[in-house]
Structures are given as C-alpha cells and as structure tokens.
C-alpha cells in the first residue's frame, strides 16, 4: 500500500507539472504580447495591434479552457457530469498554434516547425 501511495504521489506531481506547463505557455504569450504593446504602442500599426490583441484573446481563451477542463475533471470524479466524445480538426488546432507563435519566432529569427 505504501508503494501505491508513492505511485499516486508521482502521478499527481506529473499531472501538476503538465498543468503548470499548459497554463504557463499561454500566459507567456499573453505577457509577451502585452509587453510589446506597452513598449511599442506608439509605433505599432493597426494590423499589428490587432494581431497582438487577438493573440492575447486566443491565449486567454486557452487558459480558460484548461481551467474549465480541470473543473470538469473534478466534476467527473464526483459523478456530477458525463462525457461525450467529439471530433475536432487537428489541422485547425495546429494552424491556431502556428498563428499564436509564428510572429514571435519571426522576430527572433527562429523557424517554427509543427
């Protein structure tokens, strides 16, 4: 039983590390875009402003979705909701991720590969 508790603790730690990473990524994107807006707001053209604010909105939505999923896990464990499977477009998801990070990669002269 002690080994089961250690295994459970390892799984919990792994889960928390994954969740922390998944929340930190969009938060970093939001922070980076906000910093650029703050520092360069006078120099940015309208399309750039729209791009940065759209990135902030998308990443805030991603964070809200992660938090909602965590709350759903809690409800599932307590038997308060039931699941249903649905299909989604992996290509659309990858394009959204590319849209979030391509501009930053370009600015750093980095190549983004998905």
PDB file of N, CA and C in Angstrom:
ATOM      1  N   UNK A   1       0.824  -1.189   0.000  1.00  0.00           N
ATOM      2  CA  UNK A   1       0.000   0.000   0.000  1.00  0.00           C
ATOM      3  C   UNK A   1       0.874   1.261   0.000  1.00  0.00           C
ATOM      4  N   UNK A   2       2.009   1.218   0.650  1.00  0.00           N
ATOM      5  CA  UNK A   2       2.912   2.366   0.652  1.00  0.00           C
ATOM      6  C   UNK A   2       3.403   2.654  -0.757  1.00  0.00           C
ATOM      7  N   UNK A   3       3.673   1.577  -1.519  1.00  0.00           N
ATOM      8  CA  UNK A   3       4.117   1.762  -2.906  1.00  0.00           C
ATOM      9  C   UNK A   3       3.008   2.388  -3.753  1.00  0.00           C
ATOM     10  N   UNK A   4       1.771   1.981  -3.500  1.00  0.00           N
ATOM     11  CA  UNK A   4       0.637   2.582  -4.215  1.00  0.00           C
ATOM     12  C   UNK A   4       0.551   4.077  -3.928  1.00  0.00           C
ATOM     13  N   UNK A   5       0.765   4.465  -2.682  1.00  0.00           N
ATOM     14  CA  UNK A   5       0.728   5.885  -2.319  1.00  0.00           C
ATOM     15  C   UNK A   5       1.856   6.659  -2.986  1.00  0.00           C
ATOM     16  N   UNK A   6       3.046   6.047  -3.045  1.00  0.00           N
ATOM     17  CA  UNK A   6       4.174   6.709  -3.721  1.00  0.00           C
ATOM     18  C   UNK A   6       3.873   6.881  -5.206  1.00  0.00           C
ATOM     19  N   UNK A   7       3.304   5.850  -5.819  1.00  0.00           N
ATOM     20  CA  UNK A   7       2.948   5.928  -7.245  1.00  0.00           C
ATOM     21  C   UNK A   7       1.894   7.010  -7.465  1.00  0.00           C
ATOM     22  N   UNK A   8       0.904   7.064  -6.622  1.00  0.00           N
ATOM     23  CA  UNK A   8      -0.132   8.088  -6.713  1.00  0.00           C
ATOM     24  C   UNK A   8       0.474   9.480  -6.575  1.00  0.00           C
ATOM     25  N   UNK A   9       1.407   9.636  -5.669  1.00  0.00           N
ATOM     26  CA  UNK A   9       2.072  10.913  -5.467  1.00  0.00           C
ATOM     27  C   UNK A   9       2.895  11.301  -6.701  1.00  0.00           C
ATOM     28  N   UNK A  10       3.584  10.334  -7.323  1.00  0.00           N
ATOM     29  CA  UNK A  10       4.347  10.607  -8.551  1.00  0.00           C
ATOM     30  C   UNK A  10       3.408  11.043  -9.671  1.00  0.00           C
ATOM     31  N   UNK A  11       2.289  10.370  -9.806  1.00  0.00           N
ATOM     32  CA  UNK A  11       1.313  10.718 -10.840  1.00  0.00           C
ATOM     33  C   UNK A  11       0.739  12.111 -10.605  1.00  0.00           C
ATOM     34  N   UNK A  12       0.475  12.434  -9.349  1.00  0.00           N
ATOM     35  CA  UNK A  12      -0.020  13.772  -9.017  1.00  0.00           C
ATOM     36  C   UNK A  12       1.012  14.828  -9.384  1.00  0.00           C
ATOM     37  N   UNK A  13       2.284  14.572  -9.043  1.00  0.00           N
ATOM     38  CA  UNK A  13       3.344  15.517  -9.364  1.00  0.00           C
ATOM     39  C   UNK A  13       3.484  15.709 -10.876  1.00  0.00           C
ATOM     40  N   UNK A  14       3.390  14.598 -11.613  1.00  0.00           N
ATOM     41  CA  UNK A  14       3.474  14.679 -13.075  1.00  0.00           C
ATOM     42  C   UNK A  14       2.296  15.481 -13.645  1.00  0.00           C
ATOM     43  N   UNK A  15       1.118  15.214 -13.124  1.00  0.00           N
ATOM     44  CA  UNK A  15      -0.072  15.935 -13.561  1.00  0.00           C
ATOM     45  C   UNK A  15       0.075  17.436 -13.298  1.00  0.00           C
ATOM     46  N   UNK A  16       0.529  17.797 -12.109  1.00  0.00           N
ATOM     47  CA  UNK A  16       0.708  19.210 -11.777  1.00  0.00           C
ATOM     48  C   UNK A  16       1.756  19.865 -12.666  1.00  0.00           C
ATOM     49  N   UNK A  17       2.811  19.137 -12.999  1.00  0.00           N
ATOM     50  CA  UNK A  17       3.839  19.684 -13.895  1.00  0.00           C
ATOM     51  C   UNK A  17       3.257  19.951 -15.281  1.00  0.00           C
ATOM     52  N   UNK A  18       2.441  19.027 -15.773  1.00  0.00           N
ATOM     53  CA  UNK A  18       1.825  19.195 -17.097  1.00  0.00           C
ATOM     54  C   UNK A  18       0.862  20.382 -17.086  1.00  0.00           C
ATOM     55  N   UNK A  19       0.020  20.459 -16.080  1.00  0.00           N
ATOM     56  CA  UNK A  19      -0.942  21.548 -15.982  1.00  0.00           C
ATOM     57  C   UNK A  19      -0.219  22.888 -15.863  1.00  0.00           C
ATOM     58  N   UNK A  20       0.823  22.925 -15.047  1.00  0.00           N
ATOM     59  CA  UNK A  20       1.586  24.162 -14.890  1.00  0.00           C
ATOM     60  C   UNK A  20       2.169  24.601 -16.225  1.00  0.00           C
ATOM     61  N   UNK A  21       2.736  23.657 -16.961  1.00  0.00           N
ATOM     62  CA  UNK A  21       3.297  23.981 -18.271  1.00  0.00           C
ATOM     63  C   UNK A  21       2.208  24.464 -19.220  1.00  0.00           C
ATOM     64  N   UNK A  22       1.082  23.756 -19.232  1.00  0.00           N
ATOM     65  CA  UNK A  22      -0.011  24.123 -20.139  1.00  0.00           C
ATOM     66  C   UNK A  22      -0.606  25.489 -19.821  1.00  0.00           C
ATOM     67  N   UNK A  23      -0.558  25.898 -18.577  1.00  0.00           N
ATOM     68  CA  UNK A  23      -1.032  27.237 -18.218  1.00  0.00           C
ATOM     69  C   UNK A  23       0.052  28.289 -18.460  1.00  0.00           C
ATOM     70  N   UNK A  24       1.298  27.915 -18.247  1.00  0.00           N
ATOM     71  CA  UNK A  24       2.389  28.874 -18.391  1.00  0.00           C
ATOM     72  C   UNK A  24       2.584  29.287 -19.852  1.00  0.00           C
ATOM     73  N   UNK A  25       2.422  28.360 -20.793  1.00  0.00           N
ATOM     74  CA  UNK A  25       2.651  28.681 -22.206  1.00  0.00           C
ATOM     75  C   UNK A  25       1.752  29.813 -22.703  1.00  0.00           C
ATOM     76  N   UNK A  26       0.433  29.703 -22.538  1.00  0.00           N
ATOM     77  CA  UNK A  26      -0.396  30.822 -22.998  1.00  0.00           C
ATOM     78  C   UNK A  26      -0.177  32.093 -22.177  1.00  0.00           C
ATOM     79  N   UNK A  27       0.144  31.929 -20.906  1.00  0.00           N
ATOM     80  CA  UNK A  27       0.402  33.104 -20.079  1.00  0.00           C
ATOM     81  C   UNK A  27       1.654  33.831 -20.560  1.00  0.00           C
ATOM     82  N   UNK A  28       2.680  33.085 -20.962  1.00  0.00           N
ATOM     83  CA  UNK A  28       3.879  33.708 -21.524  1.00  0.00           C
ATOM     84  C   UNK A  28       3.556  34.462 -22.810  1.00  0.00           C
ATOM     85  N   UNK A  29       2.712  33.878 -23.656  1.00  0.00           N
ATOM     86  CA  UNK A  29       2.327  34.552 -24.893  1.00  0.00           C
ATOM     87  C   UNK A  29       1.564  35.841 -24.597  1.00  0.00           C
ATOM     88  N   UNK A  30       0.662  35.790 -23.628  1.00  0.00           N
ATOM     89  CA  UNK A  30      -0.093  36.976 -23.230  1.00  0.00           C
ATOM     90  C   UNK A  30       0.859  38.037 -22.683  1.00  0.00           C
ATOM     91  N   UNK A  31       1.756  37.627 -21.820  1.00  0.00           N
ATOM     92  CA  UNK A  31       2.705  38.560 -21.221  1.00  0.00           C
ATOM     93  C   UNK A  31       3.605  39.193 -22.283  1.00  0.00           C
ATOM     94  N   UNK A  32       4.105  38.382 -23.210  1.00  0.00           N
ATOM     95  CA  UNK A  32       4.955  38.909 -24.275  1.00  0.00           C
ATOM     96  C   UNK A  32       4.230  39.907 -25.157  1.00  0.00           C
ATOM     97  N   UNK A  33       3.000  39.577 -25.536  1.00  0.00           N
ATOM     98  CA  UNK A  33       2.224  40.488 -26.373  1.00  0.00           C
ATOM     99  C   UNK A  33       1.902  41.776 -25.625  1.00  0.00           C
ATOM    100  N   UNK A  34       1.559  41.667 -24.365  1.00  0.00           N
ATOM    101  CA  UNK A  34       1.257  42.861 -23.568  1.00  0.00           C
ATOM    102  C   UNK A  34       2.497  43.740 -23.420  1.00  0.00           C
ATOM    103  N   UNK A  35       3.652  43.125 -23.251  1.00  0.00           N
ATOM    104  CA  UNK A  35       4.895  43.890 -23.127  1.00  0.00           C
ATOM    105  C   UNK A  35       5.195  44.644 -24.422  1.00  0.00           C
ATOM    106  N   UNK A  36       5.030  43.967 -25.551  1.00  0.00           N
ATOM    107  CA  UNK A  36       5.244  44.628 -26.839  1.00  0.00           C
ATOM    108  C   UNK A  36       4.264  45.783 -27.003  1.00  0.00           C
ATOM    109  N   UNK A  37       3.006  45.546 -26.665  1.00  0.00           N
ATOM    110  CA  UNK A  37       2.009  46.615 -26.770  1.00  0.00           C
ATOM    111  C   UNK A  37       2.383  47.807 -25.893  1.00  0.00           C
ATOM    112  N   UNK A  38       2.804  47.530 -24.674  1.00  0.00           N
ATOM    113  CA  UNK A  38       3.165  48.596 -23.758  1.00  0.00           C
ATOM    114  C   UNK A  38       4.373  49.384 -24.257  1.00  0.00           C
ATOM    115  N   UNK A  39       5.395  48.680 -24.720  1.00  0.00           N
ATOM    116  CA  UNK A  39       6.638  49.330 -25.113  1.00  0.00           C
ATOM    117  C   UNK A  39       6.578  49.984 -26.490  1.00  0.00           C
ATOM    118  N   UNK A  40       5.740  49.455 -27.374  1.00  0.00           N
ATOM    119  CA  UNK A  40       5.763  49.921 -28.762  1.00  0.00           C
ATOM    120  C   UNK A  40       4.424  50.449 -29.247  1.00  0.00           C
ATOM    121  N   UNK A  41       3.506  50.725 -28.334  1.00  0.00           N
ATOM    122  CA  UNK A  41       2.149  51.091 -28.739  1.00  0.00           C
ATOM    123  C   UNK A  41       2.122  52.287 -29.697  1.00  0.00           C
ATOM    124  N   UNK A  42       3.022  53.224 -29.515  1.00  0.00           N
ATOM    125  CA  UNK A  42       3.039  54.403 -30.386  1.00  0.00           C
ATOM    126  C   UNK A  42       3.526  54.082 -31.789  1.00  0.00           C
ATOM    127  N   UNK A  43       4.359  53.055 -31.918  1.00  0.00           N
ATOM    128  CA  UNK A  43       4.979  52.724 -33.206  1.00  0.00           C
ATOM    129  C   UNK A  43       4.228  51.653 -33.990  1.00  0.00           C
ATOM    130  N   UNK A  44       3.337  50.930 -33.333  1.00  0.00           N
ATOM    131  CA  UNK A  44       2.661  49.819 -33.995  1.00  0.00           C
ATOM    132  C   UNK A  44       1.543  50.314 -34.908  1.00  0.00           C
ATOM    133  N   UNK A  45       1.434  49.659 -36.031  1.00  0.00           N
ATOM    134  CA  UNK A  45       0.337  49.957 -36.965  1.00  0.00           C
ATOM    135  C   UNK A  45      -0.885  49.129 -36.549  1.00  0.00           C
ATOM    136  N   UNK A  46      -2.041  49.552 -37.032  1.00  0.00           N
ATOM    137  CA  UNK A  46      -3.294  48.911 -36.632  1.00  0.00           C
ATOM    138  C   UNK A  46      -3.290  47.392 -36.845  1.00  0.00           C
ATOM    139  N   UNK A  47      -2.804  46.875 -37.986  1.00  0.00           N
ATOM    140  CA  UNK A  47      -2.799  45.410 -38.136  1.00  0.00           C
ATOM    141  C   UNK A  47      -1.964  44.708 -37.069  1.00  0.00           C
ATOM    142  N   UNK A  48      -0.842  45.325 -36.686  1.00  0.00           N
ATOM    143  CA  UNK A  48      -0.019  44.726 -35.633  1.00  0.00           C
ATOM    144  C   UNK A  48      -0.739  44.769 -34.290  1.00  0.00           C
ATOM    145  N   UNK A  49      -1.395  45.887 -34.005  1.00  0.00           N
ATOM    146  CA  UNK A  49      -2.166  45.987 -32.761  1.00  0.00           C
ATOM    147  C   UNK A  49      -3.251  44.914 -32.718  1.00  0.00           C
ATOM    148  N   UNK A  50      -3.940  44.748 -33.841  1.00  0.00           N
ATOM    149  CA  UNK A  50      -4.996  43.743 -33.909  1.00  0.00           C
ATOM    150  C   UNK A  50      -4.431  42.337 -33.736  1.00  0.00           C
ATOM    151  N   UNK A  51      -3.266  42.092 -34.316  1.00  0.00           N
ATOM    152  CA  UNK A  51      -2.626  40.785 -34.200  1.00  0.00           C
ATOM    153  C   UNK A  51      -2.265  40.475 -32.748  1.00  0.00           C
ATOM    154  N   UNK A  52      -1.649  41.430 -32.076  1.00  0.00           N
ATOM    155  CA  UNK A  52      -1.252  41.206 -30.683  1.00  0.00           C
ATOM    156  C   UNK A  52      -2.466  41.062 -29.762  1.00  0.00           C
ATOM    157  N   UNK A  53      -3.474  41.886 -29.968  1.00  0.00           N
ATOM    158  CA  UNK A  53      -4.650  41.766 -29.105  1.00  0.00           C
ATOM    159  C   UNK A  53      -5.398  40.465 -29.386  1.00  0.00           C
ATOM    160  N   UNK A  54      -5.414  40.012 -30.638  1.00  0.00           N
ATOM    161  CA  UNK A  54      -6.042  38.729 -30.959  1.00  0.00           C
ATOM    162  C   UNK A  54      -5.270  37.585 -30.306  1.00  0.00           C
ATOM    163  N   UNK A  55      -3.930  37.683 -30.295  1.00  0.00           N
ATOM    164  CA  UNK A  55      -3.120  36.649 -29.647  1.00  0.00           C
ATOM    165  C   UNK A  55      -3.414  36.615 -28.154  1.00  0.00           C
ATOM    166  N   UNK A  56      -3.531  37.777 -27.540  1.00  0.00           N
ATOM    167  CA  UNK A  56      -3.859  37.832 -26.114  1.00  0.00           C
ATOM    168  C   UNK A  56      -5.212  37.156 -25.869  1.00  0.00           C
ATOM    169  N   UNK A  57      -6.178  37.483 -26.690  1.00  0.00           N
ATOM    170  CA  UNK A  57      -7.511  36.903 -26.522  1.00  0.00           C
ATOM    171  C   UNK A  57      -7.507  35.384 -26.710  1.00  0.00           C
ATOM    172  N   UNK A  58      -6.819  34.893 -27.758  1.00  0.00           N
ATOM    173  CA  UNK A  58      -6.763  33.445 -28.001  1.00  0.00           C
ATOM    174  C   UNK A  58      -6.104  32.713 -26.835  1.00  0.00           C
ATOM    175  N   UNK A  59      -5.012  33.265 -26.341  1.00  0.00           N
ATOM    176  CA  UNK A  59      -4.305  32.588 -25.255  1.00  0.00           C
ATOM    177  C   UNK A  59      -5.063  32.672 -23.942  1.00  0.00           C
ATOM    178  N   UNK A  60      -5.759  33.766 -23.710  1.00  0.00           N
ATOM    179  CA  UNK A  60      -6.618  33.844 -22.520  1.00  0.00           C
ATOM    180  C   UNK A  60      -7.724  32.795 -22.629  1.00  0.00           C
ATOM    181  N   UNK A  61      -8.271  32.624 -23.829  1.00  0.00           N
ATOM    182  CA  UNK A  61      -9.295  31.597 -24.039  1.00  0.00           C
ATOM    183  C   UNK A  61      -8.732  30.201 -23.803  1.00  0.00           C
ATOM    184  N   UNK A  62      -7.465  29.970 -24.233  1.00  0.00           N
ATOM    185  CA  UNK A  62      -6.827  28.670 -23.989  1.00  0.00           C
ATOM    186  C   UNK A  62      -6.697  28.411 -22.495  1.00  0.00           C
ATOM    187  N   UNK A  63      -6.292  29.431 -21.747  1.00  0.00           N
ATOM    188  CA  UNK A  63      -6.156  29.269 -20.300  1.00  0.00           C
ATOM    189  C   UNK A  63      -7.502  28.986 -19.656  1.00  0.00           C
ATOM    190  N   UNK A  64      -8.526  29.699 -20.086  1.00  0.00           N
ATOM    191  CA  UNK A  64      -9.870  29.447 -19.555  1.00  0.00           C
ATOM    192  C   UNK A  64     -10.324  28.029 -19.868  1.00  0.00           C
ATOM    193  N   UNK A  65      -9.990  27.546 -21.055  1.00  0.00           N
ATOM    194  CA  UNK A  65     -10.371  26.189 -21.429  1.00  0.00           C
ATOM    195  C   UNK A  65      -9.659  25.170 -20.549  1.00  0.00           C
ATOM    196  N   UNK A  66      -8.367  25.393 -20.287  1.00  0.00           N
ATOM    197  CA  UNK A  66      -7.627  24.473 -19.418  1.00  0.00           C
ATOM    198  C   UNK A  66      -8.250  24.443 -18.029  1.00  0.00           C
ATOM    199  N   UNK A  67      -8.555  25.604 -17.508  1.00  0.00           N
ATOM    200  CA  UNK A  67      -9.162  25.680 -16.170  1.00  0.00           C
ATOM    201  C   UNK A  67     -10.539  25.012 -16.174  1.00  0.00           C
ATOM    202  N   UNK A  68     -11.301  25.223 -17.236  1.00  0.00           N
ATOM    203  CA  UNK A  68     -12.611  24.561 -17.341  1.00  0.00           C
ATOM    204  C   UNK A  68     -12.450  23.049 -17.379  1.00  0.00           C
ATOM    205  N   UNK A  69     -11.425  22.579 -18.090  1.00  0.00           N
ATOM    206  CA  UNK A  69     -11.191  21.136 -18.151  1.00  0.00           C
ATOM    207  C   UNK A  69     -10.816  20.584 -16.775  1.00  0.00           C
ATOM    208  N   UNK A  70     -10.026  21.329 -16.033  1.00  0.00           N
ATOM    209  CA  UNK A  70      -9.688  20.893 -14.677  1.00  0.00           C
ATOM    210  C   UNK A  70     -10.939  20.799 -13.805  1.00  0.00           C
ATOM    211  N   UNK A  71     -11.802  21.782 -13.945  1.00  0.00           N
ATOM    212  CA  UNK A  71     -13.052  21.750 -13.182  1.00  0.00           C
ATOM    213  C   UNK A  71     -13.937  20.586 -13.637  1.00  0.00           C
ATOM    214  N   UNK A  72     -13.910  20.298 -14.952  1.00  0.00           N
ATOM    215  CA  UNK A  72     -14.672  19.157 -15.461  1.00  0.00           C
ATOM    216  C   UNK A  72     -14.147  17.844 -14.881  1.00  0.00           C
ATOM    217  N   UNK A  73     -12.820  17.723 -14.761  1.00  0.00           N
ATOM    218  CA  UNK A  73     -12.243  16.513 -14.165  1.00  0.00           C
ATOM    219  C   UNK A  73     -12.776  16.341 -12.745  1.00  0.00           C
ATOM    220  N   UNK A  74     -12.798  17.421 -12.022  1.00  0.00           N
ATOM    221  CA  UNK A  74     -13.307  17.371 -10.656  1.00  0.00           C
ATOM    222  C   UNK A  74     -14.776  16.915 -10.640  1.00  0.00           C
ATOM    223  N   UNK A  75     -15.575  17.478 -11.541  1.00  0.00           N
ATOM    224  CA  UNK A  75     -16.994  17.098 -11.602  1.00  0.00           C
ATOM    225  C   UNK A  75     -17.152  15.641 -12.020  1.00  0.00           C
ATOM    226  N   UNK A  76     -16.304  15.194 -12.978  1.00  0.00           N
ATOM    227  CA  UNK A  76     -16.364  13.791 -13.400  1.00  0.00           C
ATOM    228  C   UNK A  76     -16.071  12.862 -12.240  1.00  0.00           C
ATOM    229  N   UNK A  77     -15.028  13.192 -11.489  1.00  0.00           N
ATOM    230  CA  UNK A  77     -14.653  12.353 -10.360  1.00  0.00           C
ATOM    231  C   UNK A  77     -15.753  12.284  -9.313  1.00  0.00           C
ATOM    232  N   UNK A  78     -16.540  13.330  -9.227  1.00  0.00           N
ATOM    233  CA  UNK A  78     -17.635  13.361  -8.258  1.00  0.00           C
ATOM    234  C   UNK A  78     -18.959  12.893  -8.848  1.00  0.00           C
ATOM    235  N   UNK A  79     -18.929  12.418 -10.115  1.00  0.00           N
ATOM    236  CA  UNK A  79     -20.129  11.901 -10.757  1.00  0.00           C
ATOM    237  C   UNK A  79     -21.155  12.956 -11.101  1.00  0.00           C
ATOM    238  N   UNK A  80     -20.732  14.206 -11.226  1.00  0.00           N
ATOM    239  CA  UNK A  80     -21.687  15.286 -11.486  1.00  0.00           C
ATOM    240  C   UNK A  80     -21.895  15.561 -12.971  1.00  0.00           C
ATOM    241  N   UNK A  81     -21.006  15.062 -13.830  1.00  0.00           N
ATOM    242  CA  UNK A  81     -21.206  15.209 -15.274  1.00  0.00           C
ATOM    243  C   UNK A  81     -20.807  13.917 -15.973  1.00  0.00           C
ATOM    244  N   UNK A  82     -21.270  13.771 -17.198  1.00  0.00           N
ATOM    245  CA  UNK A  82     -20.962  12.603 -18.011  1.00  0.00           C
ATOM    246  C   UNK A  82     -20.266  13.077 -19.285  1.00  0.00           C
ATOM    247  N   UNK A  83     -19.466  12.208 -19.866  1.00  0.00           N
ATOM    248  CA  UNK A  83     -18.658  12.591 -21.028  1.00  0.00           C
ATOM    249  C   UNK A  83     -19.374  12.284 -22.334  1.00  0.00           C
ATOM    250  N   UNK A  84     -18.920  12.976 -23.378  1.00  0.00           N
ATOM    251  CA  UNK A  84     -19.279  12.640 -24.752  1.00  0.00           C
ATOM    252  C   UNK A  84     -18.068  12.965 -25.624  1.00  0.00           C
ATOM    253  N   UNK A  85     -17.797  12.097 -26.552  1.00  0.00           N
ATOM    254  CA  UNK A  85     -16.658  12.285 -27.439  1.00  0.00           C
ATOM    255  C   UNK A  85     -17.067  13.151 -28.626  1.00  0.00           C
ATOM    256  N   UNK A  86     -16.120  13.935 -29.120  1.00  0.00           N
ATOM    257  CA  UNK A  86     -16.394  14.733 -30.318  1.00  0.00           C
ATOM    258  C   UNK A  86     -15.121  14.817 -31.145  1.00  0.00           C
ATOM    259  N   UNK A  87     -15.296  15.018 -32.421  1.00  0.00           N
ATOM    260  CA  UNK A  87     -14.177  15.130 -33.342  1.00  0.00           C
ATOM    261  C   UNK A  87     -13.766  16.588 -33.450  1.00  0.00           C
ATOM    262  N   UNK A  88     -12.500  16.808 -33.728  1.00  0.00           N
ATOM    263  CA  UNK A  88     -12.014  18.156 -33.989  1.00  0.00           C
ATOM    264  C   UNK A  88     -10.935  18.057 -35.051  1.00  0.00           C
ATOM    265  N   UNK A  89     -10.664  19.170 -35.674  1.00  0.00           N
ATOM    266  CA  UNK A  89      -9.677  19.211 -36.739  1.00  0.00           C
ATOM    267  C   UNK A  89      -8.300  19.482 -36.141  1.00  0.00           C
ATOM    268  N   UNK A  90      -7.420  18.508 -36.235  1.00  0.00           N
ATOM    269  CA  UNK A  90      -6.052  18.685 -35.753  1.00  0.00           C
ATOM    270  C   UNK A  90      -5.346  19.765 -36.581  1.00  0.00           C
ATOM    271  N   UNK A  91      -5.638  19.816 -37.863  1.00  0.00           N
ATOM    272  CA  UNK A  91      -5.027  20.829 -38.720  1.00  0.00           C
ATOM    273  C   UNK A  91      -5.426  22.237 -38.265  1.00  0.00           C
ATOM    274  N   UNK A  92      -6.695  22.434 -37.943  1.00  0.00           N
ATOM    275  CA  UNK A  92      -7.136  23.739 -37.450  1.00  0.00           C
ATOM    276  C   UNK A  92      -6.437  24.099 -36.145  1.00  0.00           C
ATOM    277  N   UNK A  93      -6.291  23.134 -35.260  1.00  0.00           N
ATOM    278  CA  UNK A  93      -5.612  23.369 -33.991  1.00  0.00           C
ATOM    279  C   UNK A  93      -4.156  23.763 -34.221  1.00  0.00           C
ATOM    280  N   UNK A  94      -3.471  23.033 -35.095  1.00  0.00           N
ATOM    281  CA  UNK A  94      -2.067  23.351 -35.387  1.00  0.00           C
ATOM    282  C   UNK A  94      -1.921  24.724 -36.041  1.00  0.00           C
ATOM    283  N   UNK A  95      -2.840  25.078 -36.903  1.00  0.00           N
ATOM    284  CA  UNK A  95      -2.802  26.407 -37.527  1.00  0.00           C
ATOM    285  C   UNK A  95      -3.008  27.510 -36.498  1.00  0.00           C
ATOM    286  N   UNK A  96      -3.875  27.268 -35.538  1.00  0.00           N
ATOM    287  CA  UNK A  96      -4.089  28.248 -34.471  1.00  0.00           C
ATOM    288  C   UNK A  96      -2.821  28.402 -33.633  1.00  0.00           C
ATOM    289  N   UNK A  97      -2.190  27.288 -33.315  1.00  0.00           N
ATOM    290  CA  UNK A  97      -0.940  27.348 -32.554  1.00  0.00           C
ATOM    291  C   UNK A  97       0.126  28.080 -33.353  1.00  0.00           C
ATOM    292  N   UNK A  98       0.226  27.771 -34.643  1.00  0.00           N
ATOM    293  CA  UNK A  98       1.188  28.461 -35.503  1.00  0.00           C
ATOM    294  C   UNK A  98       0.910  29.966 -35.489  1.00  0.00           C
ATOM    295  N   UNK A  99      -0.337  30.347 -35.597  1.00  0.00           N
ATOM    296  CA  UNK A  99      -0.701  31.766 -35.579  1.00  0.00           C
ATOM    297  C   UNK A  99      -0.288  32.451 -34.290  1.00  0.00           C
ATOM    298  N   UNK A 100      -0.364  31.717 -33.187  1.00  0.00           N
ATOM    299  CA  UNK A 100      -0.005  32.290 -31.891  1.00  0.00           C
ATOM    300  C   UNK A 100       1.494  32.533 -31.764  1.00  0.00           C
ATOM    301  N   UNK A 101       2.295  31.683 -32.371  1.00  0.00           N
ATOM    302  CA  UNK A 101       3.732  31.723 -32.110  1.00  0.00           C
ATOM    303  C   UNK A 101       4.590  32.139 -33.304  1.00  0.00           C
ATOM    304  N   UNK A 102       4.036  32.180 -34.514  1.00  0.00           N
ATOM    305  CA  UNK A 102       4.850  32.470 -35.696  1.00  0.00           C
ATOM    306  C   UNK A 102       5.475  33.857 -35.647  1.00  0.00           C
ATOM    307  N   UNK A 103       4.721  34.854 -35.245  1.00  0.00           N
ATOM    308  CA  UNK A 103       5.245  36.217 -35.215  1.00  0.00           C
ATOM    309  C   UNK A 103       6.420  36.326 -34.243  1.00  0.00           C
ATOM    310  N   UNK A 104       6.303  35.703 -33.094  1.00  0.00           N
ATOM    311  CA  UNK A 104       7.408  35.733 -32.125  1.00  0.00           C
ATOM    312  C   UNK A 104       8.620  34.989 -32.665  1.00  0.00           C
ATOM    313  N   UNK A 105       8.394  33.874 -33.345  1.00  0.00           N
ATOM    314  CA  UNK A 105       9.514  33.128 -33.938  1.00  0.00           C
ATOM    315  C   UNK A 105      10.196  33.975 -35.010  1.00  0.00           C
ATOM    316  N   UNK A 106       9.407  34.657 -35.832  1.00  0.00           N
ATOM    317  CA  UNK A 106       9.968  35.520 -36.870  1.00  0.00           C
ATOM    318  C   UNK A 106      10.806  36.634 -36.268  1.00  0.00           C
ATOM    319  N   UNK A 107      10.294  37.238 -35.199  1.00  0.00           N
ATOM    320  CA  UNK A 107      11.020  38.328 -34.555  1.00  0.00           C
ATOM    321  C   UNK A 107      12.358  37.866 -34.005  1.00  0.00           C
ATOM    322  N   UNK A 108      12.424  36.608 -33.595  1.00  0.00           N
ATOM    323  CA  UNK A 108      13.669  36.065 -33.043  1.00  0.00           C
ATOM    324  C   UNK A 108      14.483  35.332 -34.109  1.00  0.00           C
ATOM    325  N   UNK A 109      14.011  35.448 -35.360  1.00  0.00           N
ATOM    326  CA  UNK A 109      14.650  34.773 -36.489  1.00  0.00           C
ATOM    327  C   UNK A 109      14.776  33.276 -36.230  1.00  0.00           C
ATOM    328  N   UNK A 110      13.696  32.710 -35.702  1.00  0.00           N
ATOM    329  CA  UNK A 110      13.633  31.280 -35.441  1.00  0.00           C
ATOM    330  C   UNK A 110      12.635  30.636 -36.385  1.00  0.00           C
ATOM    331  N   UNK A 111      12.825  29.373 -36.633  1.00  0.00           N
ATOM    332  CA  UNK A 111      11.922  28.620 -37.503  1.00  0.00           C
ATOM    333  C   UNK A 111      10.947  27.828 -36.628  1.00  0.00           C
ATOM    334  N   UNK A 112       9.673  27.989 -36.888  1.00  0.00           N
ATOM    335  CA  UNK A 112       8.640  27.277 -36.133  1.00  0.00           C
ATOM    336  C   UNK A 112       8.222  26.049 -36.939  1.00  0.00           C
ATOM    337  N   UNK A 113       8.386  24.888 -36.350  1.00  0.00           N
ATOM    338  CA  UNK A 113       8.038  23.631 -37.025  1.00  0.00           C
ATOM    339  C   UNK A 113       6.997  22.922 -36.201  1.00  0.00           C
ATOM    340  N   UNK A 114       5.859  22.599 -36.826  1.00  0.00           N
ATOM    341  CA  UNK A 114       4.800  21.845 -36.147  1.00  0.00           C
ATOM    342  C   UNK A 114       4.580  20.536 -36.858  1.00  0.00           C
TER     343      UNK A 114
END
